[in-house]
Amino acid sequence: MKDNGSSKSSDSAVTPQGAPAQESPLAIRGQYIRDLSFEIPGAPESISGLKGAPNVDINIEVATRDLEANTYEVALSIRCEAKTDTASIFILELTYAGVFTLTGLGADQLKPALYIECPRYLFPFARSIVASLTQESSLPPMLINPIDFAALYQARYLEAQPGGKAAS
């Protein structure tokens, strides 16, 4: 493409109407594996003798903590255990975390952003780590289905309410 010299370079985004674009209230500062544990208790026998699909239990938790003004760590913890009727095939525990800066949110928007939106950004990376790790261990890749973090948040929120139900 030929540069005709008429384009301008700018550090700030501009909307089609010429007004400055609004900065996103959520910024990802970094993401990382905070903790990872993987074991195959009965290897190599448990791998070579595996017939059929094992039963898999998956537990997912979201935790947050304040780091500094408007900056939070959000940790997505995944625990997977695959087992047959007679033996444990593998146990995987992963805590994948991210540091997020959230600005311009009201008090009623902060918790949903931390417990719904931030985990949505982290989940594909954590899912990929789980799938790769199981596959590299001579097991079928463990592909975790997408998580509805809004439903998870709602269920936890309802549990925290007096009597186990939110006020209508």
Protein backbone atom coordinates (compact mmCIF):
# COMPACT_ATOMS: atom_id res chain seq x y z
CA MET A 1 0.00 0.00 0.00
CA LYS A 2 1.33 3.41 -0.95
CA ASP A 3 1.63 6.00 1.79
CA ASN A 4 0.41 9.33 0.48
CA GLY A 5 1.58 11.16 3.57
CA SER A 6 -1.92 12.23 4.58
CA SER A 7 -2.37 9.86 7.51
CA LYS A 8 -1.79 11.09 11.04
CA SER A 9 -0.32 9.13 13.91
CA SER A 10 -1.78 9.65 17.35
CA ASP A 11 -1.48 8.06 20.78
CA SER A 12 -5.20 8.42 21.47
CA ALA A 13 -7.98 6.61 19.67
CA VAL A 14 -10.62 8.61 17.85
CA THR A 15 -14.18 7.54 17.13
CA PRO A 16 -15.57 7.89 13.60
CA GLN A 17 -17.35 11.10 14.65
CA GLY A 18 -14.02 12.63 15.66
CA ALA A 19 -14.60 12.48 19.42
CA PRO A 20 -11.90 10.86 21.60
CA ALA A 21 -12.62 7.21 22.33
CA GLN A 22 -13.46 6.30 25.90
CA GLU A 23 -10.78 4.21 27.61
CA SER A 24 -11.84 0.72 28.62
CA PRO A 25 -12.59 0.39 32.34
CA LEU A 26 -10.67 -2.92 32.41
CA ALA A 27 -6.96 -3.25 31.65
CA ILE A 28 -4.93 -6.45 31.95
CA ARG A 29 -1.51 -5.72 33.50
CA GLY A 30 -0.26 -9.30 33.43
CA GLN A 31 -1.26 -12.92 33.76
CA TYR A 32 0.63 -15.93 35.06
CA ILE A 33 0.58 -19.41 36.53
CA ARG A 34 0.62 -18.86 40.29
CA ASP A 35 0.50 -22.55 41.22
CA LEU A 36 0.49 -25.81 39.28
CA SER A 37 0.42 -29.38 40.50
CA PHE A 38 -0.04 -32.46 38.35
CA GLU A 39 0.28 -36.07 39.36
CA ILE A 40 -0.48 -39.46 37.87
CA PRO A 41 -0.48 -41.65 41.00
CA GLY A 42 -0.51 -45.05 39.30
CA ALA A 43 1.72 -44.35 36.30
CA PRO A 44 2.70 -46.07 34.11
CA GLU A 45 0.12 -48.80 34.75
CA SER A 46 -2.78 -46.37 35.03
CA ILE A 47 -1.98 -44.87 31.62
CA SER A 48 -1.31 -48.07 29.69
CA GLY A 49 -4.30 -49.90 31.14
CA LEU A 50 -6.82 -47.08 30.61
CA LYS A 51 -9.93 -48.41 28.92
CA GLY A 52 -12.81 -46.09 28.21
CA ALA A 53 -13.37 -42.61 29.53
CA PRO A 54 -12.68 -42.03 33.23
CA ASN A 55 -15.02 -40.09 35.50
CA VAL A 56 -13.79 -36.52 35.79
CA ASP A 57 -14.57 -34.15 38.64
CA ILE A 58 -13.87 -30.47 37.96
CA ASN A 59 -14.01 -27.71 40.56
CA ILE A 60 -13.56 -24.06 39.63
CA GLU A 61 -13.12 -21.19 42.09
CA VAL A 62 -12.50 -17.47 41.62
CA ALA A 63 -10.68 -15.42 44.26
CA THR A 64 -9.71 -11.76 44.25
CA ARG A 65 -7.50 -9.50 46.31
CA ASP A 66 -6.73 -5.78 46.28
CA LEU A 67 -3.20 -4.87 45.30
CA GLU A 68 -3.33 -1.08 45.16
CA ALA A 69 -5.77 1.62 44.10
CA ASN A 70 -8.01 0.22 41.34
CA THR A 71 -5.67 -2.76 40.83
CA TYR A 72 -6.64 -6.31 41.71
CA GLU A 73 -5.35 -9.83 41.39
CA VAL A 74 -7.96 -12.29 40.15
CA ALA A 75 -7.08 -15.97 40.57
CA LEU A 76 -8.89 -18.74 38.73
CA SER A 77 -8.35 -22.08 40.48
CA ILE A 78 -9.13 -25.29 38.62
CA ARG A 79 -8.99 -28.74 40.17
CA CYS A 80 -9.52 -31.77 37.93
CA GLU A 81 -9.44 -35.36 39.09
CA ALA A 82 -9.93 -38.23 36.67
CA LYS A 83 -10.60 -41.67 38.08
CA THR A 84 -11.96 -45.05 37.23
CA ASP A 85 -13.95 -47.25 39.59
CA THR A 86 -10.70 -48.64 40.99
CA ALA A 87 -7.99 -45.98 40.63
CA SER A 88 -7.16 -42.31 40.30
CA ILE A 89 -5.81 -41.54 36.81
CA PHE A 90 -4.64 -37.97 37.40
CA ILE A 91 -5.03 -35.03 39.74
CA LEU A 92 -4.43 -31.54 38.36
CA GLU A 93 -4.54 -28.31 40.35
CA LEU A 94 -3.94 -25.01 38.58
CA THR A 95 -4.20 -21.47 39.85
CA TYR A 96 -3.96 -19.07 36.93
CA ALA A 97 -4.04 -15.41 37.88
CA GLY A 98 -4.07 -11.99 36.35
CA VAL A 99 -3.53 -8.44 37.52
CA PHE A 100 -6.29 -6.11 36.39
CA THR A 101 -6.80 -2.38 36.68
CA LEU A 102 -10.46 -1.40 36.88
CA THR A 103 -11.39 2.28 36.59
CA GLY A 104 -14.60 4.22 36.33
CA LEU A 105 -16.79 1.50 37.84
CA GLY A 106 -19.43 2.09 40.48
CA ALA A 107 -19.46 0.05 43.67
CA ASP A 108 -22.26 -2.12 42.26
CA GLN A 109 -20.19 -2.90 39.13
CA LEU A 110 -16.88 -3.80 40.77
CA LYS A 111 -17.66 -7.31 42.07
CA PRO A 112 -19.31 -8.47 38.83
CA ALA A 113 -16.30 -7.17 36.89
CA LEU A 114 -13.89 -9.01 39.21
CA TYR A 115 -15.84 -12.27 39.40
CA ILE A 116 -17.32 -12.42 35.88
CA GLU A 117 -15.38 -10.34 33.35
CA CYS A 118 -11.83 -10.90 34.62
CA PRO A 119 -12.19 -14.72 34.82
CA ARG A 120 -13.59 -14.68 31.25
CA TYR A 121 -10.24 -13.30 30.09
CA LEU A 122 -8.22 -15.81 32.13
CA PHE A 123 -10.21 -18.96 31.34
CA PRO A 124 -9.03 -19.66 27.76
CA PHE A 125 -5.40 -19.58 28.89
CA ALA A 126 -6.05 -21.83 31.89
CA ARG A 127 -8.06 -24.23 29.69
CA SER A 128 -5.16 -24.43 27.24
CA ILE A 129 -2.68 -25.21 30.03
CA VAL A 130 -4.90 -28.03 31.33
CA ALA A 131 -5.35 -29.49 27.82
CA SER A 132 -1.64 -29.28 26.98
CA LEU A 133 -0.49 -30.74 30.27
CA THR A 134 -2.78 -33.75 30.08
CA GLN A 135 -1.92 -34.36 26.44
CA GLU A 136 1.83 -34.11 27.08
CA SER A 137 1.38 -36.73 29.80
CA SER A 138 0.19 -39.40 27.34
CA LEU A 139 -3.44 -38.82 28.28
CA PRO A 140 -6.26 -37.53 26.11
CA PRO A 141 -6.37 -33.72 26.33
CA MET A 142 -8.68 -32.54 29.09
CA LEU A 143 -10.88 -30.00 27.31
CA ILE A 144 -12.87 -28.07 29.89
CA ASN A 145 -16.20 -26.79 28.59
CA PRO A 146 -16.74 -23.03 28.65
CA ILE A 147 -17.75 -21.69 32.05
CA ASP A 148 -20.69 -19.35 32.60
CA PHE A 149 -19.02 -17.07 35.12
CA ALA A 150 -22.17 -14.96 35.45
CA ALA A 151 -24.13 -18.02 36.60
CA LEU A 152 -21.27 -19.05 38.90
CA TYR A 153 -21.18 -15.56 40.43
CA GLN A 154 -24.96 -15.52 40.81
CA ALA A 155 -24.95 -18.93 42.54
CA ARG A 156 -22.21 -17.83 44.95
CA TYR A 157 -23.96 -14.51 45.56
CA LEU A 158 -27.21 -16.29 46.39
CA GLU A 159 -25.37 -18.66 48.76
CA ALA A 160 -23.92 -15.68 50.61
CA GLN A 161 -27.34 -14.09 51.19
CA PRO A 162 -29.16 -14.72 54.49
CA GLY A 163 -31.34 -17.79 54.09
CA GLY A 164 -29.49 -18.77 50.89
CA LYS A 165 -31.66 -16.62 48.61
CA ALA A 166 -31.27 -13.09 47.35
CA ALA A 167 -33.97 -10.59 48.17
CA SER A 168 -36.36 -10.02 45.28
